[in-house]
Amino acid sequence: MTFADVTASAVIAAVAEFKRLGREKFLESAGFGPATAYYLELDGELYDSKAIFGYAHGVSGDRVWRSDDFSGGDQTVARHLRELGFTVRYLRNPNWTRDEIILACAAAEANNWKTLAQESRRAIELSQLLHSPAIHPLEGRRADFRNPAGIERKVSDIITCHPNYKGKRTNGNRLDGEVLADFLERPAEMRALAETIKTTLLLWDESGPALPDPDLSDDMGIEEGGVLLKMHLRRERDPKLKRKKIAEAKRDGVAIACEACGFDFYRTYGARGLDYIECHHRTPLSVTGKTRTRSQDLALICSNCHRMIHRMAHWLTVADLRALVEAQRATER
């Protein structure tokens, strides 16, 4: 038989067997490893395309093909599955972010810098935590995205960077060593940061306020960590808090103008700029942790100053930026 002899009904039968056995047992019984890029998508679920095709080859009347019997990829398995009317997705898991590595490093420290077995409670709980959409979108994930086996591998990568490790270093990435060094140098601070990231992921709500315009975060530093930066920006964008902050300022006779440079949208743009201003959270989330934002925690700030505050890794305070503006104005007099 050839590729063209595999029928759509045989593929459906292979999917049914996959679902009956579960992914791990199906791959083992069919003689395949996990897919690395191409997946069959059916009814919203992902299936390892080459393994499905090999099993379907047997259903169609000939023997089941094993992994070494044929090549997978876009021009073979993927093409034939598409010709049969199926959807094939090309997926690669995203690289580990600093946030994720901080959580993995915290798990490694809690395990006395020993390998975290994929069957362990810590590995399973961390796997579940990292499935939050706060760091990586659900779209584009492979079936093995941040599974317990992947957690075990990443923790092993981190452990081999430890100065007390005597064996051969594994193929981790640059951030593994950097985050580990931070944990060894500032353990209490890094544990607290890991706990804040964990809490933020557990409480993440996809229906929360949208993030500000993309150019606001173009030059932002990563010191706070990706998910904390996202939450920080969401708190600043919360329309309820913004309305409350403006109402309190008007009640107290405070001008709706930038606290750093004094720019007043109403004075410049008339009615179009009435009560328009942005809000900036005075203290980063990595410092405050997951706390309830109060209106007094927010500063009224113009769009330009807001971008200048966030532009580099070390964020300026409103007072810092005000001093910078005043010093610059002094040089122009």
C-alpha atoms as a PDB file:
ATOM      1  CA  MET A   1       0.000   0.000   0.000  1.00  0.00           C
ATOM      2  CA  THR A   2       0.985   3.654  -0.428  1.00  0.00           C
ATOM      3  CA  PHE A   3       0.133   6.930   1.294  1.00  0.00           C
ATOM      4  CA  ALA A   4      -2.787   7.389  -1.084  1.00  0.00           C
ATOM      5  CA  ASP A   5      -4.377   4.115   0.060  1.00  0.00           C
ATOM      6  CA  VAL A   6      -5.145   5.453   3.545  1.00  0.00           C
ATOM      7  CA  THR A   7      -8.820   6.405   3.747  1.00  0.00           C
ATOM      8  CA  ALA A   8     -10.631   9.052   5.771  1.00  0.00           C
ATOM      9  CA  SER A   9     -12.597   6.367   7.622  1.00  0.00           C
ATOM     10  CA  ALA A  10      -9.314   4.675   8.595  1.00  0.00           C
ATOM     11  CA  VAL A  11      -8.064   7.964  10.034  1.00  0.00           C
ATOM     12  CA  ILE A  12     -11.271   8.338  12.040  1.00  0.00           C
ATOM     13  CA  ALA A  13     -10.782   4.784  13.347  1.00  0.00           C
ATOM     14  CA  ALA A  14      -7.221   5.628  14.360  1.00  0.00           C
ATOM     15  CA  VAL A  15      -8.445   8.698  16.239  1.00  0.00           C
ATOM     16  CA  ALA A  16     -11.021   6.553  18.054  1.00  0.00           C
ATOM     17  CA  GLU A  17      -8.282   4.141  19.135  1.00  0.00           C
ATOM     18  CA  PHE A  18      -6.125   7.085  20.238  1.00  0.00           C
ATOM     19  CA  LYS A  19      -8.969   8.362  22.411  1.00  0.00           C
ATOM     20  CA  ARG A  20      -9.688   4.885  23.802  1.00  0.00           C
ATOM     21  CA  LEU A  21      -6.103   4.211  24.871  1.00  0.00           C
ATOM     22  CA  GLY A  22      -4.994   7.740  25.667  1.00  0.00           C
ATOM     23  CA  ARG A  23      -2.106   9.498  23.993  1.00  0.00           C
ATOM     24  CA  GLU A  24       0.770   7.866  25.877  1.00  0.00           C
ATOM     25  CA  LYS A  25      -0.437   4.286  25.459  1.00  0.00           C
ATOM     26  CA  PHE A  26      -1.458   4.825  21.841  1.00  0.00           C
ATOM     27  CA  LEU A  27       1.973   6.153  20.877  1.00  0.00           C
ATOM     28  CA  GLU A  28       3.680   3.327  22.716  1.00  0.00           C
ATOM     29  CA  SER A  29       1.519   0.601  21.152  1.00  0.00           C
ATOM     30  CA  ALA A  30       1.804   2.121  17.672  1.00  0.00           C
ATOM     31  CA  GLY A  31       5.583   2.493  17.963  1.00  0.00           C
ATOM     32  CA  PHE A  32       5.835   6.285  17.723  1.00  0.00           C
ATOM     33  CA  GLY A  33       7.319   9.082  19.743  1.00  0.00           C
ATOM     34  CA  PRO A  34       5.426  12.349  20.372  1.00  0.00           C
ATOM     35  CA  ALA A  35       4.909  14.630  17.399  1.00  0.00           C
ATOM     36  CA  THR A  36       7.369  17.506  17.196  1.00  0.00           C
ATOM     37  CA  ALA A  37       5.532  19.818  14.802  1.00  0.00           C
ATOM     38  CA  TYR A  38       2.536  18.414  12.882  1.00  0.00           C
ATOM     39  CA  TYR A  39      -0.794  17.583  14.494  1.00  0.00           C
ATOM     40  CA  LEU A  40      -4.126  16.411  13.164  1.00  0.00           C
ATOM     41  CA  GLU A  41      -6.888  18.645  14.536  1.00  0.00           C
ATOM     42  CA  LEU A  42     -10.323  17.062  14.833  1.00  0.00           C
ATOM     43  CA  ASP A  43     -13.281  18.413  16.807  1.00  0.00           C
ATOM     44  CA  GLY A  44     -11.026  20.819  18.645  1.00  0.00           C
ATOM     45  CA  GLU A  45      -8.549  18.146  19.783  1.00  0.00           C
ATOM     46  CA  LEU A  46      -4.965  17.558  18.620  1.00  0.00           C
ATOM     47  CA  TYR A  47      -3.547  14.167  17.610  1.00  0.00           C
ATOM     48  CA  ASP A  48       0.009  13.192  16.653  1.00  0.00           C
ATOM     49  CA  SER A  49      -0.378  13.135  12.878  1.00  0.00           C
ATOM     50  CA  LYS A  50       2.310  10.623  11.932  1.00  0.00           C
ATOM     51  CA  ALA A  51       1.209   8.086  14.554  1.00  0.00           C
ATOM     52  CA  ILE A  52      -2.429   8.443  13.473  1.00  0.00           C
ATOM     53  CA  PHE A  53      -1.464   7.954   9.832  1.00  0.00           C
ATOM     54  CA  GLY A  54       0.670   4.900  10.590  1.00  0.00           C
ATOM     55  CA  TYR A  55      -2.158   3.246  12.523  1.00  0.00           C
ATOM     56  CA  ALA A  56      -4.677   4.190   9.808  1.00  0.00           C
ATOM     57  CA  HIS A  57      -2.469   2.428   7.282  1.00  0.00           C
ATOM     58  CA  GLY A  58      -3.206  -0.819   9.094  1.00  0.00           C
ATOM     59  CA  VAL A  59      -6.935  -0.101   9.335  1.00  0.00           C
ATOM     60  CA  SER A  60      -7.092   0.377   5.573  1.00  0.00           C
ATOM     61  CA  GLY A  61      -6.167  -3.280   5.048  1.00  0.00           C
ATOM     62  CA  ASP A  62      -2.391  -3.536   5.262  1.00  0.00           C
ATOM     63  CA  ARG A  63      -0.091  -3.733   8.273  1.00  0.00           C
ATOM     64  CA  VAL A  64       0.282  -0.820  10.679  1.00  0.00           C
ATOM     65  CA  TRP A  65       3.210   1.340   9.673  1.00  0.00           C
ATOM     66  CA  ARG A  66       5.783   2.025  12.378  1.00  0.00           C
ATOM     67  CA  SER A  67       7.710   5.265  12.682  1.00  0.00           C
ATOM     68  CA  ASP A  68      10.726   3.981  10.728  1.00  0.00           C
ATOM     69  CA  ASP A  69       8.544   2.752   7.845  1.00  0.00           C
ATOM     70  CA  PHE A  70       7.795   6.206   6.428  1.00  0.00           C
ATOM     71  CA  SER A  71       8.630   9.880   6.751  1.00  0.00           C
ATOM     72  CA  GLY A  72       6.341  12.478   8.216  1.00  0.00           C
ATOM     73  CA  GLY A  73       6.139  16.168   7.496  1.00  0.00           C
ATOM     74  CA  ASP A  74       4.387  18.705   5.325  1.00  0.00           C
ATOM     75  CA  GLN A  75       4.887  16.939   1.982  1.00  0.00           C
ATOM     76  CA  THR A  76       3.941  13.440   3.141  1.00  0.00           C
ATOM     77  CA  VAL A  77       1.588  12.804   6.055  1.00  0.00           C
ATOM     78  CA  ALA A  78       0.328  16.383   6.377  1.00  0.00           C
ATOM     79  CA  ARG A  79      -0.362  16.693   2.649  1.00  0.00           C
ATOM     80  CA  HIS A  80      -2.268  13.403   2.441  1.00  0.00           C
ATOM     81  CA  LEU A  81      -4.338  14.164   5.528  1.00  0.00           C
ATOM     82  CA  ARG A  82      -5.288  17.528   4.045  1.00  0.00           C
ATOM     83  CA  GLU A  83      -6.217  15.850   0.767  1.00  0.00           C
ATOM     84  CA  LEU A  84      -8.606  13.651   2.766  1.00  0.00           C
ATOM     85  CA  GLY A  85     -10.276  16.797   4.106  1.00  0.00           C
ATOM     86  CA  PHE A  86      -8.622  16.940   7.533  1.00  0.00           C
ATOM     87  CA  THR A  87      -7.004  19.928   9.226  1.00  0.00           C
ATOM     88  CA  VAL A  88      -3.304  19.622  10.011  1.00  0.00           C
ATOM     89  CA  ARG A  89      -1.649  22.148  12.307  1.00  0.00           C
ATOM     90  CA  TYR A  90       2.039  23.027  12.462  1.00  0.00           C
ATOM     91  CA  LEU A  91       2.820  23.724  16.091  1.00  0.00           C
ATOM     92  CA  ARG A  92       5.945  24.300  18.155  1.00  0.00           C
ATOM     93  CA  ASN A  93       5.872  24.949  21.865  1.00  0.00           C
ATOM     94  CA  PRO A  94       7.099  28.438  22.788  1.00  0.00           C
ATOM     95  CA  ASN A  95      10.402  28.951  24.554  1.00  0.00           C
ATOM     96  CA  TRP A  96      10.334  29.091  28.330  1.00  0.00           C
ATOM     97  CA  THR A  97       9.935  32.638  29.623  1.00  0.00           C
ATOM     98  CA  ARG A  98      11.681  34.123  32.632  1.00  0.00           C
ATOM     99  CA  ASP A  99       8.430  33.869  34.615  1.00  0.00           C
ATOM    100  CA  GLU A 100       8.154  30.148  33.914  1.00  0.00           C
ATOM    101  CA  ILE A 101      11.793  29.517  34.771  1.00  0.00           C
ATOM    102  CA  ILE A 102      11.410  31.432  38.041  1.00  0.00           C
ATOM    103  CA  LEU A 103       8.569  29.078  38.998  1.00  0.00           C
ATOM    104  CA  ALA A 104      10.575  26.012  37.913  1.00  0.00           C
ATOM    105  CA  CYS A 105      13.588  27.245  39.882  1.00  0.00           C
ATOM    106  CA  ALA A 106      11.426  27.774  42.976  1.00  0.00           C
ATOM    107  CA  ALA A 107      10.195  24.189  42.614  1.00  0.00           C
ATOM    108  CA  ALA A 108      13.770  22.945  42.279  1.00  0.00           C
ATOM    109  CA  GLU A 109      14.854  24.852  45.403  1.00  0.00           C
ATOM    110  CA  ALA A 110      11.881  23.472  47.344  1.00  0.00           C
ATOM    111  CA  ASN A 111      13.032  19.997  46.257  1.00  0.00           C
ATOM    112  CA  ASN A 112      16.543  20.637  47.640  1.00  0.00           C
ATOM    113  CA  TRP A 113      17.966  21.155  44.134  1.00  0.00           C
ATOM    114  CA  LYS A 114      17.151  17.582  43.141  1.00  0.00           C
ATOM    115  CA  THR A 115      15.449  16.303  40.012  1.00  0.00           C
ATOM    116  CA  LEU A 116      11.696  16.806  40.062  1.00  0.00           C
ATOM    117  CA  ALA A 117      10.167  13.535  38.852  1.00  0.00           C
ATOM    118  CA  GLN A 118       7.284  14.001  36.435  1.00  0.00           C
ATOM    119  CA  GLU A 119       5.088  11.827  38.669  1.00  0.00           C
ATOM    120  CA  SER A 120       5.645  14.079  41.675  1.00  0.00           C
ATOM    121  CA  ARG A 121       2.994  16.402  43.055  1.00  0.00           C
ATOM    122  CA  ARG A 122       5.186  19.463  42.490  1.00  0.00           C
ATOM    123  CA  ALA A 123       5.727  18.656  38.800  1.00  0.00           C
ATOM    124  CA  ILE A 124       2.032  18.015  38.185  1.00  0.00           C
ATOM    125  CA  GLU A 125       0.931  21.182  40.005  1.00  0.00           C
ATOM    126  CA  LEU A 126       3.482  23.330  38.163  1.00  0.00           C
ATOM    127  CA  SER A 127       2.366  21.828  34.844  1.00  0.00           C
ATOM    128  CA  GLN A 128      -1.239  22.748  35.624  1.00  0.00           C
ATOM    129  CA  LEU A 129      -0.229  26.262  36.684  1.00  0.00           C
ATOM    130  CA  LEU A 130       1.725  26.932  33.477  1.00  0.00           C
ATOM    131  CA  HIS A 131      -1.307  26.069  31.373  1.00  0.00           C
ATOM    132  CA  SER A 132      -2.727  29.460  32.358  1.00  0.00           C
ATOM    133  CA  PRO A 133      -3.275  31.661  29.264  1.00  0.00           C
ATOM    134  CA  ALA A 134      -1.599  34.567  31.052  1.00  0.00           C
ATOM    135  CA  ILE A 135       1.895  33.737  29.738  1.00  0.00           C
ATOM    136  CA  HIS A 136       1.267  31.908  26.467  1.00  0.00           C
ATOM    137  CA  PRO A 137      -1.997  32.010  24.483  1.00  0.00           C
ATOM    138  CA  LEU A 138      -3.935  28.777  24.157  1.00  0.00           C
ATOM    139  CA  GLU A 139      -3.705  29.022  20.382  1.00  0.00           C
ATOM    140  CA  GLY A 140      -0.634  27.309  18.951  1.00  0.00           C
ATOM    141  CA  ARG A 141       0.231  24.986  21.840  1.00  0.00           C
ATOM    142  CA  ARG A 142       1.259  21.421  21.131  1.00  0.00           C
ATOM    143  CA  ALA A 143      -0.423  18.487  22.853  1.00  0.00           C
ATOM    144  CA  ASP A 144       2.572  18.134  25.191  1.00  0.00           C
ATOM    145  CA  PHE A 145       2.716  21.823  26.145  1.00  0.00           C
ATOM    146  CA  ARG A 146       4.350  22.166  29.590  1.00  0.00           C
ATOM    147  CA  ASN A 147       3.393  18.623  30.573  1.00  0.00           C
ATOM    148  CA  PRO A 148       4.935  17.041  33.724  1.00  0.00           C
ATOM    149  CA  ALA A 149       7.670  15.404  31.625  1.00  0.00           C
ATOM    150  CA  GLY A 150       8.611  18.844  30.294  1.00  0.00           C
ATOM    151  CA  ILE A 151       8.657  20.198  33.844  1.00  0.00           C
ATOM    152  CA  GLU A 152      11.067  17.423  34.834  1.00  0.00           C
ATOM    153  CA  ARG A 153      13.365  18.276  31.903  1.00  0.00           C
ATOM    154  CA  LYS A 154      13.385  21.993  32.657  1.00  0.00           C
ATOM    155  CA  VAL A 155      14.106  21.474  36.367  1.00  0.00           C
ATOM    156  CA  SER A 156      16.949  19.141  35.375  1.00  0.00           C
ATOM    157  CA  ASP A 157      18.340  21.858  33.090  1.00  0.00           C
ATOM    158  CA  ILE A 158      18.300  24.296  36.003  1.00  0.00           C
ATOM    159  CA  ILE A 159      19.902  21.841  38.443  1.00  0.00           C
ATOM    160  CA  THR A 160      22.816  21.159  36.095  1.00  0.00           C
ATOM    161  CA  CYS A 161      23.638  24.889  36.250  1.00  0.00           C
ATOM    162  CA  HIS A 162      23.990  24.729  40.041  1.00  0.00           C
ATOM    163  CA  PRO A 163      27.613  25.235  41.236  1.00  0.00           C
ATOM    164  CA  ASN A 164      27.386  22.079  43.369  1.00  0.00           C
ATOM    165  CA  TYR A 165      26.321  19.894  40.440  1.00  0.00           C
ATOM    166  CA  LYS A 166      29.151  17.550  39.417  1.00  0.00           C
ATOM    167  CA  GLY A 167      27.707  15.952  36.289  1.00  0.00           C
ATOM    168  CA  LYS A 168      27.462  17.110  32.687  1.00  0.00           C
ATOM    169  CA  ARG A 169      25.352  20.173  31.956  1.00  0.00           C
ATOM    170  CA  THR A 170      22.191  19.613  29.902  1.00  0.00           C
ATOM    171  CA  ASN A 171      20.984  21.678  26.965  1.00  0.00           C
ATOM    172  CA  GLY A 172      19.038  24.387  28.751  1.00  0.00           C
ATOM    173  CA  ASN A 173      18.933  28.032  27.736  1.00  0.00           C
ATOM    174  CA  ARG A 174      20.733  31.142  28.941  1.00  0.00           C
ATOM    175  CA  LEU A 175      17.914  32.140  31.299  1.00  0.00           C
ATOM    176  CA  ASP A 176      18.231  28.902  33.292  1.00  0.00           C
ATOM    177  CA  GLY A 177      21.624  29.939  34.634  1.00  0.00           C
ATOM    178  CA  GLU A 178      20.643  33.579  35.098  1.00  0.00           C
ATOM    179  CA  VAL A 179      17.533  32.806  37.142  1.00  0.00           C
ATOM    180  CA  LEU A 180      19.418  30.211  39.193  1.00  0.00           C
ATOM    181  CA  ALA A 181      22.104  32.789  39.964  1.00  0.00           C
ATOM    182  CA  ASP A 182      19.395  35.204  41.145  1.00  0.00           C
ATOM    183  CA  PHE A 183      17.962  32.511  43.444  1.00  0.00           C
ATOM    184  CA  LEU A 184      21.364  31.756  44.940  1.00  0.00           C
ATOM    185  CA  GLU A 185      22.178  35.437  45.410  1.00  0.00           C
ATOM    186  CA  ARG A 186      18.757  36.678  46.601  1.00  0.00           C
ATOM    187  CA  PRO A 187      16.764  33.610  47.705  1.00  0.00           C
ATOM    188  CA  ALA A 188      14.130  35.351  49.832  1.00  0.00           C
ATOM    189  CA  GLU A 189      13.422  37.973  47.181  1.00  0.00           C
ATOM    190  CA  MET A 190      13.154  35.387  44.409  1.00  0.00           C
ATOM    191  CA  ARG A 191      10.886  33.114  46.465  1.00  0.00           C
ATOM    192  CA  ALA A 192       8.569  36.079  47.073  1.00  0.00           C
ATOM    193  CA  LEU A 193       8.612  36.923  43.358  1.00  0.00           C
ATOM    194  CA  ALA A 194       7.790  33.316  42.460  1.00  0.00           C
ATOM    195  CA  GLU A 195       4.859  33.370  44.885  1.00  0.00           C
ATOM    196  CA  THR A 196       3.552  36.608  43.372  1.00  0.00           C
ATOM    197  CA  ILE A 197       3.762  35.164  39.857  1.00  0.00           C
ATOM    198  CA  LYS A 198       2.010  31.995  41.031  1.00  0.00           C
ATOM    199  CA  THR A 199      -0.813  33.947  42.665  1.00  0.00           C
ATOM    200  CA  THR A 200      -1.231  36.114  39.574  1.00  0.00           C
ATOM    201  CA  LEU A 201      -1.516  33.054  37.331  1.00  0.00           C
ATOM    202  CA  LEU A 202      -4.058  31.414  39.636  1.00  0.00           C
ATOM    203  CA  LEU A 203      -6.223  34.535  39.661  1.00  0.00           C
ATOM    204  CA  TRP A 204      -5.782  35.486  36.000  1.00  0.00           C
ATOM    205  CA  ASP A 205      -9.021  36.450  34.302  1.00  0.00           C
ATOM    206  CA  GLU A 206      -9.048  36.582  30.507  1.00  0.00           C
ATOM    207  CA  SER A 207     -12.069  38.878  30.610  1.00  0.00           C
ATOM    208  CA  GLY A 208     -10.064  41.597  32.346  1.00  0.00           C
ATOM    209  CA  PRO A 209      -9.305  45.004  30.766  1.00  0.00           C
ATOM    210  CA  ALA A 210      -7.372  44.921  27.508  1.00  0.00           C
ATOM    211  CA  LEU A 211      -3.743  45.981  27.505  1.00  0.00           C
ATOM    212  CA  PRO A 212      -2.769  49.496  26.402  1.00  0.00           C
ATOM    213  CA  ASP A 213      -1.532  50.214  22.905  1.00  0.00           C
ATOM    214  CA  PRO A 214       1.389  47.950  21.899  1.00  0.00           C
ATOM    215  CA  ASP A 215       3.878  50.833  21.640  1.00  0.00           C
ATOM    216  CA  LEU A 216       3.433  51.446  25.363  1.00  0.00           C
ATOM    217  CA  SER A 217       5.224  48.167  26.086  1.00  0.00           C
ATOM    218  CA  ASP A 218       7.737  48.137  23.202  1.00  0.00           C
ATOM    219  CA  ASP A 219      10.683  49.306  25.290  1.00  0.00           C
ATOM    220  CA  MET A 220       9.517  48.106  28.689  1.00  0.00           C
ATOM    221  CA  GLY A 221      12.065  46.173  30.658  1.00  0.00           C
ATOM    222  CA  ILE A 222      11.542  42.588  31.781  1.00  0.00           C
ATOM    223  CA  GLU A 223      12.629  43.049  35.383  1.00  0.00           C
ATOM    224  CA  GLU A 224       9.051  42.642  36.554  1.00  0.00           C
ATOM    225  CA  GLY A 225       8.451  39.514  34.518  1.00  0.00           C
ATOM    226  CA  GLY A 226       5.988  39.138  31.686  1.00  0.00           C
ATOM    227  CA  VAL A 227       2.845  38.140  33.567  1.00  0.00           C
ATOM    228  CA  LEU A 228       3.367  40.764  36.268  1.00  0.00           C
ATOM    229  CA  LEU A 229       3.900  43.418  33.608  1.00  0.00           C
ATOM    230  CA  LYS A 230       0.631  42.381  31.947  1.00  0.00           C
ATOM    231  CA  MET A 231      -1.223  42.534  35.253  1.00  0.00           C
ATOM    232  CA  HIS A 232       0.363  45.904  36.068  1.00  0.00           C
ATOM    233  CA  LEU A 233      -0.858  47.328  32.762  1.00  0.00           C
ATOM    234  CA  ARG A 234      -4.308  45.826  33.276  1.00  0.00           C
ATOM    235  CA  ARG A 235      -4.628  47.507  36.662  1.00  0.00           C
ATOM    236  CA  GLU A 236      -3.666  50.834  35.093  1.00  0.00           C
ATOM    237  CA  ARG A 237      -6.239  50.332  32.336  1.00  0.00           C
ATOM    238  CA  ASP A 238      -9.128  49.383  34.648  1.00  0.00           C
ATOM    239  CA  PRO A 239     -11.880  51.826  33.585  1.00  0.00           C
ATOM    240  CA  LYS A 240     -13.648  51.714  36.974  1.00  0.00           C
ATOM    241  CA  LEU A 241     -10.513  52.718  38.853  1.00  0.00           C
ATOM    242  CA  LYS A 242      -9.739  55.397  36.290  1.00  0.00           C
ATOM    243  CA  ARG A 243     -13.213  56.958  36.618  1.00  0.00           C
ATOM    244  CA  LYS A 244     -12.957  56.824  40.401  1.00  0.00           C
ATOM    245  CA  LYS A 245      -9.517  58.451  40.374  1.00  0.00           C
ATOM    246  CA  ILE A 246     -10.687  61.299  38.115  1.00  0.00           C
ATOM    247  CA  ALA A 247     -13.859  61.825  40.168  1.00  0.00           C
ATOM    248  CA  GLU A 248     -11.854  62.062  43.403  1.00  0.00           C
ATOM    249  CA  ALA A 249      -9.408  64.516  41.812  1.00  0.00           C
ATOM    250  CA  LYS A 250     -12.275  66.765  40.660  1.00  0.00           C
ATOM    251  CA  ARG A 251     -13.938  66.538  44.083  1.00  0.00           C
ATOM    252  CA  ASP A 252     -10.689  67.655  45.722  1.00  0.00           C
ATOM    253  CA  GLY A 253     -10.202  70.493  43.223  1.00  0.00           C
ATOM    254  CA  VAL A 254      -7.189  68.862  41.586  1.00  0.00           C
ATOM    255  CA  ALA A 255      -6.666  69.634  37.911  1.00  0.00           C
ATOM    256  CA  ILE A 256      -7.065  66.684  35.531  1.00  0.00           C
ATOM    257  CA  ALA A 257      -3.534  67.169  34.300  1.00  0.00           C
ATOM    258  CA  CYS A 258      -0.278  65.235  34.199  1.00  0.00           C
ATOM    259  CA  GLU A 259       1.423  65.004  37.580  1.00  0.00           C
ATOM    260  CA  ALA A 260       4.829  64.881  35.908  1.00  0.00           C
ATOM    261  CA  CYS A 261       4.782  67.591  33.235  1.00  0.00           C
ATOM    262  CA  GLY A 262       1.508  69.441  33.916  1.00  0.00           C
ATOM    263  CA  PHE A 263       0.003  68.802  30.475  1.00  0.00           C
ATOM    264  CA  ASP A 264      -3.762  69.384  30.475  1.00  0.00           C
ATOM    265  CA  PHE A 265      -5.681  67.770  27.604  1.00  0.00           C
ATOM    266  CA  TYR A 266      -8.671  70.099  28.057  1.00  0.00           C
ATOM    267  CA  ARG A 267      -6.581  73.266  27.839  1.00  0.00           C
ATOM    268  CA  THR A 268      -4.966  72.041  24.624  1.00  0.00           C
ATOM    269  CA  TYR A 269      -7.840  70.251  22.872  1.00  0.00           C
ATOM    270  CA  GLY A 270     -10.914  71.855  24.381  1.00  0.00           C
ATOM    271  CA  ALA A 271     -14.034  69.754  24.887  1.00  0.00           C
ATOM    272  CA  ARG A 272     -12.438  66.819  23.062  1.00  0.00           C
ATOM    273  CA  GLY A 273      -9.835  66.549  25.820  1.00  0.00           C
ATOM    274  CA  LEU A 274     -12.185  67.071  28.757  1.00  0.00           C
ATOM    275  CA  ASP A 275     -11.413  64.637  31.612  1.00  0.00           C
ATOM    276  CA  TYR A 276      -8.986  62.696  29.430  1.00  0.00           C
ATOM    277  CA  ILE A 277      -5.868  61.398  31.193  1.00  0.00           C
ATOM    278  CA  GLU A 278      -4.080  58.082  31.718  1.00  0.00           C
ATOM    279  CA  CYS A 279      -3.436  56.399  35.038  1.00  0.00           C
ATOM    280  CA  HIS A 280      -0.145  54.969  36.216  1.00  0.00           C
ATOM    281  CA  HIS A 281       0.233  52.583  39.138  1.00  0.00           C
ATOM    282  CA  ARG A 282       2.870  54.111  41.374  1.00  0.00           C
ATOM    283  CA  THR A 283       4.367  50.806  42.599  1.00  0.00           C
ATOM    284  CA  PRO A 284       5.181  47.775  40.419  1.00  0.00           C
ATOM    285  CA  LEU A 285       3.219  44.583  41.056  1.00  0.00           C
ATOM    286  CA  SER A 286       6.466  42.736  41.799  1.00  0.00           C
ATOM    287  CA  VAL A 287       6.817  44.980  44.860  1.00  0.00           C
ATOM    288  CA  THR A 288       3.215  45.144  46.053  1.00  0.00           C
ATOM    289  CA  GLY A 289       2.200  41.573  45.191  1.00  0.00           C
ATOM    290  CA  LYS A 290      -1.376  40.691  44.298  1.00  0.00           C
ATOM    291  CA  THR A 291      -3.184  43.420  46.212  1.00  0.00           C
ATOM    292  CA  ARG A 292      -6.396  45.345  45.711  1.00  0.00           C
ATOM    293  CA  THR A 293      -5.633  48.552  43.823  1.00  0.00           C
ATOM    294  CA  ARG A 294      -6.874  51.744  45.473  1.00  0.00           C
ATOM    295  CA  SER A 295      -7.370  55.030  43.657  1.00  0.00           C
ATOM    296  CA  GLN A 296      -4.626  56.630  45.771  1.00  0.00           C
ATOM    297  CA  ASP A 297      -2.202  54.064  44.320  1.00  0.00           C
ATOM    298  CA  LEU A 298      -2.699  55.658  40.894  1.00  0.00           C
ATOM    299  CA  ALA A 299      -1.139  58.798  39.456  1.00  0.00           C
ATOM    300  CA  LEU A 300      -2.725  60.942  36.725  1.00  0.00           C
ATOM    301  CA  ILE A 301      -0.267  61.009  33.868  1.00  0.00           C
ATOM    302  CA  CYS A 302      -0.244  62.100  30.220  1.00  0.00           C
ATOM    303  CA  SER A 303       0.409  59.593  27.445  1.00  0.00           C
ATOM    304  CA  ASN A 304       3.954  60.803  26.718  1.00  0.00           C
ATOM    305  CA  CYS A 305       5.060  60.762  30.344  1.00  0.00           C
ATOM    306  CA  HIS A 306       3.490  57.343  30.821  1.00  0.00           C
ATOM    307  CA  ARG A 307       5.661  55.998  28.022  1.00  0.00           C
ATOM    308  CA  MET A 308       8.767  57.645  29.431  1.00  0.00           C
ATOM    309  CA  ILE A 309       8.156  56.102  32.866  1.00  0.00           C
ATOM    310  CA  HIS A 310       7.861  52.621  31.401  1.00  0.00           C
ATOM    311  CA  ARG A 311      10.440  52.969  28.651  1.00  0.00           C
ATOM    312  CA  MET A 312      13.393  51.201  30.268  1.00  0.00           C
ATOM    313  CA  ALA A 313      13.903  48.305  32.656  1.00  0.00           C
ATOM    314  CA  HIS A 314      14.282  50.569  35.695  1.00  0.00           C
ATOM    315  CA  TRP A 315      10.951  52.405  35.818  1.00  0.00           C
ATOM    316  CA  LEU A 316      11.006  55.973  37.030  1.00  0.00           C
ATOM    317  CA  THR A 317       8.696  57.192  39.774  1.00  0.00           C
ATOM    318  CA  VAL A 318       6.401  60.102  38.977  1.00  0.00           C
ATOM    319  CA  ALA A 319       8.624  62.302  41.164  1.00  0.00           C
ATOM    320  CA  ASP A 320      11.726  61.141  39.259  1.00  0.00           C
ATOM    321  CA  LEU A 321      10.141  62.016  35.929  1.00  0.00           C
ATOM    322  CA  ARG A 322       8.898  65.376  37.232  1.00  0.00           C
ATOM    323  CA  ALA A 323      12.443  66.231  38.307  1.00  0.00           C
ATOM    324  CA  LEU A 324      13.760  65.174  34.907  1.00  0.00           C
ATOM    325  CA  VAL A 325      11.203  67.379  33.123  1.00  0.00           C
ATOM    326  CA  GLU A 326      11.950  70.366  35.363  1.00  0.00           C
ATOM    327  CA  ALA A 327      15.696  69.957  34.878  1.00  0.00           C
ATOM    328  CA  GLN A 328      15.281  69.815  31.116  1.00  0.00           C
ATOM    329  CA  ARG A 329      13.079  72.904  31.121  1.00  0.00           C
ATOM    330  CA  ALA A 330      15.678  74.743  33.201  1.00  0.00           C
ATOM    331  CA  THR A 331      18.351  74.123  30.594  1.00  0.00           C
ATOM    332  CA  GLU A 332      16.113  75.682  27.926  1.00  0.00           C
ATOM    333  CA  ARG A 333      15.550  78.940  29.751  1.00  0.00           C
END
